[in-house]
Amino acid sequence: MSNMNTLTLADLKPGQEGVVQMINGTADLKRRLSALGLVNGVKVTLGHTAPLGDPRAYEVLDYTLSLRNEEARKIVLQGA
């Protein structure tokens, strides 16, 4: 899914939010991210970014989740 119009978690700006549409990647990655609450329909907001831009902290449900940009690029958001 390399469409130029595809918006992923890694594309969010600080304070911007998106809704998870799907996760691309291995079954292990999908299972791990699902266990962390990243499932279809969940709202995610970008909180903080590390000084060098990686990792980034996202607000998911009632907690903060830190993800590397490599993983965040695999999470496709709705409305892309």
PDB file of N, CA and C in Angstrom:
ATOM      1  N   MET A   1       0.841  -1.167   0.000  1.00  0.00           N
ATOM      2  CA  MET A   1       0.000   0.000   0.000  1.00  0.00           C
ATOM      3  C   MET A   1       0.889   1.234   0.000  1.00  0.00           C
ATOM      4  N   SER A   2       1.444   1.612  -1.117  1.00  0.00           N
ATOM      5  CA  SER A   2       2.323   2.765  -1.220  1.00  0.00           C
ATOM      6  C   SER A   2       1.649   3.907  -1.956  1.00  0.00           C
ATOM      7  N   ASN A   3       0.425   4.139  -1.676  1.00  0.00           N
ATOM      8  CA  ASN A   3      -0.302   5.230  -2.288  1.00  0.00           C
ATOM      9  C   ASN A   3       0.164   6.542  -1.673  1.00  0.00           C
ATOM     10  N   MET A   4       0.404   7.572  -2.513  1.00  0.00           N
ATOM     11  CA  MET A   4       0.869   8.859  -2.010  1.00  0.00           C
ATOM     12  C   MET A   4      -0.148   9.513  -1.085  1.00  0.00           C
ATOM     13  N   ASN A   5      -1.416   9.160  -1.197  1.00  0.00           N
ATOM     14  CA  ASN A   5      -2.458   9.749  -0.370  1.00  0.00           C
ATOM     15  C   ASN A   5      -2.664   9.001   0.935  1.00  0.00           C
ATOM     16  N   THR A   6      -1.920   7.942   1.157  1.00  0.00           N
ATOM     17  CA  THR A   6      -2.070   7.155   2.376  1.00  0.00           C
ATOM     18  C   THR A   6      -1.450   7.900   3.552  1.00  0.00           C
ATOM     19  N   LEU A   7      -2.253   8.127   4.584  1.00  0.00           N
ATOM     20  CA  LEU A   7      -1.791   8.793   5.790  1.00  0.00           C
ATOM     21  C   LEU A   7      -1.520   7.733   6.847  1.00  0.00           C
ATOM     22  N   THR A   8      -0.334   7.782   7.442  1.00  0.00           N
ATOM     23  CA  THR A   8       0.016   6.831   8.489  1.00  0.00           C
ATOM     24  C   THR A   8       0.258   7.586   9.795  1.00  0.00           C
ATOM     25  N   LEU A   9       0.407   6.837  10.875  1.00  0.00           N
ATOM     26  CA  LEU A   9       0.704   7.443  12.172  1.00  0.00           C
ATOM     27  C   LEU A   9       1.966   8.301  12.112  1.00  0.00           C
ATOM     28  N   ALA A  10       2.945   7.887  11.332  1.00  0.00           N
ATOM     29  CA  ALA A  10       4.205   8.621  11.235  1.00  0.00           C
ATOM     30  C   ALA A  10       4.025   9.989  10.587  1.00  0.00           C
ATOM     31  N   ASP A  11       2.904  10.219   9.897  1.00  0.00           N
ATOM     32  CA  ASP A  11       2.655  11.488   9.220  1.00  0.00           C
ATOM     33  C   ASP A  11       2.008  12.542  10.110  1.00  0.00           C
ATOM     34  N   LEU A  12       1.535  12.140  11.290  1.00  0.00           N
ATOM     35  CA  LEU A  12       0.858  13.090  12.165  1.00  0.00           C
ATOM     36  C   LEU A  12       1.814  14.159  12.681  1.00  0.00           C
ATOM     37  N   LYS A  13       1.284  15.359  12.853  1.00  0.00           N
ATOM     38  CA  LYS A  13       2.014  16.477  13.458  1.00  0.00           C
ATOM     39  C   LYS A  13       1.630  16.533  14.938  1.00  0.00           C
ATOM     40  N   PRO A  14       2.453  17.157  15.791  1.00  0.00           N
ATOM     41  CA  PRO A  14       2.124  17.241  17.217  1.00  0.00           C
ATOM     42  C   PRO A  14       0.721  17.782  17.464  1.00  0.00           C
ATOM     43  N   GLY A  15      -0.049  17.071  18.279  1.00  0.00           N
ATOM     44  CA  GLY A  15      -1.423  17.451  18.594  1.00  0.00           C
ATOM     45  C   GLY A  15      -2.447  16.971  17.593  1.00  0.00           C
ATOM     46  N   GLN A  16      -2.012  16.513  16.436  1.00  0.00           N
ATOM     47  CA  GLN A  16      -2.933  16.029  15.401  1.00  0.00           C
ATOM     48  C   GLN A  16      -3.383  14.619  15.747  1.00  0.00           C
ATOM     49  N   GLU A  17      -4.616  14.302  15.373  1.00  0.00           N
ATOM     50  CA  GLU A  17      -5.136  12.967  15.667  1.00  0.00           C
ATOM     51  C   GLU A  17      -5.607  12.273  14.410  1.00  0.00           C
ATOM     52  N   GLY A  18      -5.725  10.967  14.513  1.00  0.00           N
ATOM     53  CA  GLY A  18      -6.219  10.141  13.425  1.00  0.00           C
ATOM     54  C   GLY A  18      -6.898   8.917  14.001  1.00  0.00           C
ATOM     55  N   VAL A  19      -7.607   8.209  13.134  1.00  0.00           N
ATOM     56  CA  VAL A  19      -8.310   6.995  13.539  1.00  0.00           C
ATOM     57  C   VAL A  19      -7.714   5.824  12.765  1.00  0.00           C
ATOM     58  N   VAL A  20      -7.349   4.785  13.483  1.00  0.00           N
ATOM     59  CA  VAL A  20      -6.712   3.611  12.875  1.00  0.00           C
ATOM     60  C   VAL A  20      -7.677   2.940  11.908  1.00  0.00           C
ATOM     61  N   GLN A  21      -7.190   2.692  10.701  1.00  0.00           N
ATOM     62  CA  GLN A  21      -7.973   1.977   9.691  1.00  0.00           C
ATOM     63  C   GLN A  21      -7.464   0.550   9.535  1.00  0.00           C
ATOM     64  N   MET A  22      -6.130   0.398   9.473  1.00  0.00           N
ATOM     65  CA  MET A  22      -5.551  -0.936   9.318  1.00  0.00           C
ATOM     66  C   MET A  22      -4.075  -0.905   9.685  1.00  0.00           C
ATOM     67  N   ILE A  23      -3.526  -2.094   9.900  1.00  0.00           N
ATOM     68  CA  ILE A  23      -2.104  -2.230  10.202  1.00  0.00           C
ATOM     69  C   ILE A  23      -1.488  -3.134   9.143  1.00  0.00           C
ATOM     70  N   ASN A  24      -0.453  -2.634   8.485  1.00  0.00           N
ATOM     71  CA  ASN A  24       0.306  -3.431   7.530  1.00  0.00           C
ATOM     72  C   ASN A  24       1.492  -4.018   8.264  1.00  0.00           C
ATOM     73  N   GLY A  25       1.871  -5.223   7.915  1.00  0.00           N
ATOM     74  CA  GLY A  25       3.042  -5.824   8.564  1.00  0.00           C
ATOM     75  C   GLY A  25       2.817  -7.288   8.836  1.00  0.00           C
ATOM     76  N   THR A  26       3.739  -7.839   9.577  1.00  0.00           N
ATOM     77  CA  THR A  26       3.692  -9.266   9.891  1.00  0.00           C
ATOM     78  C   THR A  26       2.571  -9.551  10.882  1.00  0.00           C
ATOM     79  N   ALA A  27       2.206 -10.807  10.976  1.00  0.00           N
ATOM     80  CA  ALA A  27       1.171 -11.219  11.934  1.00  0.00           C
ATOM     81  C   ALA A  27       1.618 -10.914  13.360  1.00  0.00           C
ATOM     82  N   ASP A  28       2.912 -11.083  13.651  1.00  0.00           N
ATOM     83  CA  ASP A  28       3.429 -10.786  14.993  1.00  0.00           C
ATOM     84  C   ASP A  28       3.269  -9.309  15.329  1.00  0.00           C
ATOM     85  N   LEU A  29       3.594  -8.432  14.370  1.00  0.00           N
ATOM     86  CA  LEU A  29       3.459  -6.997  14.601  1.00  0.00           C
ATOM     87  C   LEU A  29       1.994  -6.626  14.817  1.00  0.00           C
ATOM     88  N   LYS A  30       1.116  -7.149  13.979  1.00  0.00           N
ATOM     89  CA  LYS A  30      -0.314  -6.865  14.112  1.00  0.00           C
ATOM     90  C   LYS A  30      -0.843  -7.325  15.467  1.00  0.00           C
ATOM     91  N   ARG A  31      -0.421  -8.502  15.889  1.00  0.00           N
ATOM     92  CA  ARG A  31      -0.863  -9.055  17.172  1.00  0.00           C
ATOM     93  C   ARG A  31      -0.361  -8.184  18.333  1.00  0.00           C
ATOM     94  N   ARG A  32       0.905  -7.772  18.277  1.00  0.00           N
ATOM     95  CA  ARG A  32       1.486  -6.947  19.341  1.00  0.00           C
ATOM     96  C   ARG A  32       0.805  -5.584  19.422  1.00  0.00           C
ATOM     97  N   LEU A  33       0.611  -4.937  18.264  1.00  0.00           N
ATOM     98  CA  LEU A  33      -0.024  -3.624  18.266  1.00  0.00           C
ATOM     99  C   LEU A  33      -1.491  -3.712  18.684  1.00  0.00           C
ATOM    100  N   SER A  34      -2.162  -4.777  18.293  1.00  0.00           N
ATOM    101  CA  SER A  34      -3.554  -4.976  18.716  1.00  0.00           C
ATOM    102  C   SER A  34      -3.639  -5.149  20.226  1.00  0.00           C
ATOM    103  N   ALA A  35      -2.686  -5.881  20.794  1.00  0.00           N
ATOM    104  CA  ALA A  35      -2.665  -6.082  22.246  1.00  0.00           C
ATOM    105  C   ALA A  35      -2.436  -4.761  22.983  1.00  0.00           C
ATOM    106  N   LEU A  36      -1.789  -3.810  22.315  1.00  0.00           N
ATOM    107  CA  LEU A  36      -1.535  -2.495  22.898  1.00  0.00           C
ATOM    108  C   LEU A  36      -2.700  -1.525  22.682  1.00  0.00           C
ATOM    109  N   GLY A  37      -3.750  -1.995  21.998  1.00  0.00           N
ATOM    110  CA  GLY A  37      -4.932  -1.164  21.797  1.00  0.00           C
ATOM    111  C   GLY A  37      -5.042  -0.523  20.439  1.00  0.00           C
ATOM    112  N   LEU A  38      -4.080  -0.747  19.559  1.00  0.00           N
ATOM    113  CA  LEU A  38      -4.140  -0.180  18.216  1.00  0.00           C
ATOM    114  C   LEU A  38      -4.953  -1.101  17.314  1.00  0.00           C
ATOM    115  N   VAL A  39      -6.247  -0.878  17.309  1.00  0.00           N
ATOM    116  CA  VAL A  39      -7.173  -1.671  16.500  1.00  0.00           C
ATOM    117  C   VAL A  39      -8.007  -0.712  15.659  1.00  0.00           C
ATOM    118  N   ASN A  40      -8.680  -1.249  14.660  1.00  0.00           N
ATOM    119  CA  ASN A  40      -9.518  -0.424  13.787  1.00  0.00           C
ATOM    120  C   ASN A  40     -10.494   0.416  14.589  1.00  0.00           C
ATOM    121  N   GLY A  41     -10.588   1.707  14.234  1.00  0.00           N
ATOM    122  CA  GLY A  41     -11.541   2.593  14.868  1.00  0.00           C
ATOM    123  C   GLY A  41     -11.043   3.338  16.090  1.00  0.00           C
ATOM    124  N   VAL A  42      -9.832   3.035  16.561  1.00  0.00           N
ATOM    125  CA  VAL A  42      -9.291   3.700  17.755  1.00  0.00           C
ATOM    126  C   VAL A  42      -8.661   5.033  17.359  1.00  0.00           C
ATOM    127  N   LYS A  43      -8.976   6.074  18.142  1.00  0.00           N
ATOM    128  CA  LYS A  43      -8.408   7.402  17.908  1.00  0.00           C
ATOM    129  C   LYS A  43      -7.024   7.473  18.551  1.00  0.00           C
ATOM    130  N   VAL A  44      -6.064   8.036  17.803  1.00  0.00           N
ATOM    131  CA  VAL A  44      -4.683   8.174  18.256  1.00  0.00           C
ATOM    132  C   VAL A  44      -4.260   9.625  18.036  1.00  0.00           C
ATOM    133  N   THR A  45      -3.595  10.203  19.044  1.00  0.00           N
ATOM    134  CA  THR A  45      -3.108  11.576  18.954  1.00  0.00           C
ATOM    135  C   THR A  45      -1.600  11.582  19.161  1.00  0.00           C
ATOM    136  N   LEU A  46      -0.892  12.333  18.320  1.00  0.00           N
ATOM    137  CA  LEU A  46       0.558  12.451  18.511  1.00  0.00           C
ATOM    138  C   LEU A  46       0.827  13.415  19.646  1.00  0.00           C
ATOM    139  N   GLY A  47       1.573  12.944  20.629  1.00  0.00           N
ATOM    140  CA  GLY A  47       1.929  13.776  21.769  1.00  0.00           C
ATOM    141  C   GLY A  47       3.290  14.412  21.563  1.00  0.00           C
ATOM    142  N   HIS A  48       4.343  13.675  21.884  1.00  0.00           N
ATOM    143  CA  HIS A  48       5.702  14.207  21.827  1.00  0.00           C
ATOM    144  C   HIS A  48       6.549  13.432  20.833  1.00  0.00           C
ATOM    145  N   THR A  49       7.580  14.109  20.347  1.00  0.00           N
ATOM    146  CA  THR A  49       8.558  13.490  19.465  1.00  0.00           C
ATOM    147  C   THR A  49       9.931  13.649  20.096  1.00  0.00           C
ATOM    148  N   ALA A  50      10.739  12.612  20.042  1.00  0.00           N
ATOM    149  CA  ALA A  50      12.101  12.680  20.567  1.00  0.00           C
ATOM    150  C   ALA A  50      12.885  13.747  19.800  1.00  0.00           C
ATOM    151  N   PRO A  51      13.939  14.301  20.392  1.00  0.00           N
ATOM    152  CA  PRO A  51      14.699  15.370  19.742  1.00  0.00           C
ATOM    153  C   PRO A  51      15.157  15.060  18.318  1.00  0.00           C
ATOM    154  N   LEU A  52      15.500  13.829  18.039  1.00  0.00           N
ATOM    155  CA  LEU A  52      15.931  13.475  16.687  1.00  0.00           C
ATOM    156  C   LEU A  52      14.782  12.933  15.826  1.00  0.00           C
ATOM    157  N   GLY A  53      13.551  13.009  16.344  1.00  0.00           N
ATOM    158  CA  GLY A  53      12.380  12.614  15.567  1.00  0.00           C
ATOM    159  C   GLY A  53      11.944  11.175  15.701  1.00  0.00           C
ATOM    160  N   ASP A  54      12.662  10.371  16.461  1.00  0.00           N
ATOM    161  CA  ASP A  54      12.329   8.953  16.576  1.00  0.00           C
ATOM    162  C   ASP A  54      12.836   8.451  17.921  1.00  0.00           C
ATOM    163  N   PRO A  55      12.025   7.885  18.777  1.00  0.00           N
ATOM    164  CA  PRO A  55      10.611   7.521  18.635  1.00  0.00           C
ATOM    165  C   PRO A  55       9.679   8.706  18.914  1.00  0.00           C
ATOM    166  N   ARG A  56       8.383   8.414  18.762  1.00  0.00           N
ATOM    167  CA  ARG A  56       7.347   9.405  19.016  1.00  0.00           C
ATOM    168  C   ARG A  56       6.333   8.811  19.985  1.00  0.00           C
ATOM    169  N   ALA A  57       5.738   9.684  20.806  1.00  0.00           N
ATOM    170  CA  ALA A  57       4.774   9.243  21.819  1.00  0.00           C
ATOM    171  C   ALA A  57       3.365   9.569  21.350  1.00  0.00           C
ATOM    172  N   TYR A  58       2.500   8.589  21.371  1.00  0.00           N
ATOM    173  CA  TYR A  58       1.105   8.724  20.940  1.00  0.00           C
ATOM    174  C   TYR A  58       0.173   8.480  22.112  1.00  0.00           C
ATOM    175  N   GLU A  59      -0.904   9.229  22.159  1.00  0.00           N
ATOM    176  CA  GLU A  59      -1.949   9.016  23.165  1.00  0.00           C
ATOM    177  C   GLU A  59      -2.960   8.056  22.552  1.00  0.00           C
ATOM    178  N   VAL A  60      -3.117   6.894  23.175  1.00  0.00           N
ATOM    179  CA  VAL A  60      -4.027   5.854  22.695  1.00  0.00           C
ATOM    180  C   VAL A  60      -4.889   5.434  23.878  1.00  0.00           C
ATOM    181  N   LEU A  61      -6.205   5.501  23.702  1.00  0.00           N
ATOM    182  CA  LEU A  61      -7.113   5.184  24.785  1.00  0.00           C
ATOM    183  C   LEU A  61      -6.735   6.066  25.980  1.00  0.00           C
ATOM    184  N   ASP A  62      -6.361   5.504  27.112  1.00  0.00           N
ATOM    185  CA  ASP A  62      -6.017   6.307  28.293  1.00  0.00           C
ATOM    186  C   ASP A  62      -4.543   6.181  28.674  1.00  0.00           C
ATOM    187  N   TYR A  63      -3.679   5.967  27.700  1.00  0.00           N
ATOM    188  CA  TYR A  63      -2.258   5.835  28.020  1.00  0.00           C
ATOM    189  C   TYR A  63      -1.398   6.383  26.890  1.00  0.00           C
ATOM    190  N   THR A  64      -0.096   6.488  27.146  1.00  0.00           N
ATOM    191  CA  THR A  64       0.861   6.962  26.151  1.00  0.00           C
ATOM    192  C   THR A  64       1.658   5.779  25.626  1.00  0.00           C
ATOM    193  N   LEU A  65       1.736   5.683  24.309  1.00  0.00           N
ATOM    194  CA  LEU A  65       2.447   4.595  23.639  1.00  0.00           C
ATOM    195  C   LEU A  65       3.589   5.187  22.828  1.00  0.00           C
ATOM    196  N   SER A  66       4.784   4.663  23.007  1.00  0.00           N
ATOM    197  CA  SER A  66       5.942   5.117  22.253  1.00  0.00           C
ATOM    198  C   SER A  66       6.211   4.124  21.128  1.00  0.00           C
ATOM    199  N   LEU A  67       6.313   4.663  19.906  1.00  0.00           N
ATOM    200  CA  LEU A  67       6.581   3.818  18.736  1.00  0.00           C
ATOM    201  C   LEU A  67       7.692   4.427  17.900  1.00  0.00           C
ATOM    202  N   ARG A  68       8.482   3.592  17.305  1.00  0.00           N
ATOM    203  CA  ARG A  68       9.474   4.046  16.332  1.00  0.00           C
ATOM    204  C   ARG A  68       8.741   4.384  15.032  1.00  0.00           C
ATOM    205  N   ASN A  69       9.324   5.275  14.253  1.00  0.00           N
ATOM    206  CA  ASN A  69       8.688   5.686  12.997  1.00  0.00           C
ATOM    207  C   ASN A  69       8.495   4.506  12.046  1.00  0.00           C
ATOM    208  N   GLU A  70       9.415   3.559  12.069  1.00  0.00           N
ATOM    209  CA  GLU A  70       9.304   2.374  11.206  1.00  0.00           C
ATOM    210  C   GLU A  70       7.993   1.627  11.478  1.00  0.00           C
ATOM    211  N   GLU A  71       7.626   1.494  12.755  1.00  0.00           N
ATOM    212  CA  GLU A  71       6.364   0.832  13.106  1.00  0.00           C
ATOM    213  C   GLU A  71       5.175   1.733  12.821  1.00  0.00           C
ATOM    214  N   ALA A  72       5.314   3.021  13.116  1.00  0.00           N
ATOM    215  CA  ALA A  72       4.215   3.966  12.918  1.00  0.00           C
ATOM    216  C   ALA A  72       3.817   4.069  11.445  1.00  0.00           C
ATOM    217  N   ARG A  73       4.773   3.877  10.538  1.00  0.00           N
ATOM    218  CA  ARG A  73       4.469   3.930   9.094  1.00  0.00           C
ATOM    219  C   ARG A  73       3.591   2.767   8.644  1.00  0.00           C
ATOM    220  N   LYS A  74       3.478   1.746   9.440  1.00  0.00           N
ATOM    221  CA  LYS A  74       2.677   0.571   9.072  1.00  0.00           C
ATOM    222  C   LYS A  74       1.234   0.692   9.546  1.00  0.00           C
ATOM    223  N   ILE A  75       0.923   1.766  10.280  1.00  0.00           N
ATOM    224  CA  ILE A  75      -0.426   1.958  10.799  1.00  0.00           C
ATOM    225  C   ILE A  75      -1.123   3.013   9.938  1.00  0.00           C
ATOM    226  N   VAL A  76      -2.059   2.564   9.125  1.00  0.00           N
ATOM    227  CA  VAL A  76      -2.786   3.418   8.188  1.00  0.00           C
ATOM    228  C   VAL A  76      -3.987   4.034   8.891  1.00  0.00           C
ATOM    229  N   LEU A  77      -4.186   5.333   8.646  1.00  0.00           N
ATOM    230  CA  LEU A  77      -5.290   6.056   9.273  1.00  0.00           C
ATOM    231  C   LEU A  77      -6.442   6.247   8.307  1.00  0.00           C
ATOM    232  N   GLN A  78      -7.644   6.394   8.838  1.00  0.00           N
ATOM    233  CA  GLN A  78      -8.831   6.635   8.023  1.00  0.00           C
ATOM    234  C   GLN A  78      -8.772   8.021   7.404  1.00  0.00           C
ATOM    235  N   GLY A  79      -9.498   8.190   6.319  1.00  0.00           N
ATOM    236  CA  GLY A  79      -9.595   9.489   5.678  1.00  0.00           C
ATOM    237  C   GLY A  79      -8.379   9.837   4.863  1.00  0.00           C
ATOM    238  N   ALA A  80      -7.530   8.851   4.595  1.00  0.00           N
ATOM    239  CA  ALA A  80      -6.314   9.127   3.830  1.00  0.00           C
ATOM    240  C   ALA A  80      -6.614   9.237   2.360  1.00  0.00           C
TER     241      ALA A  80
END
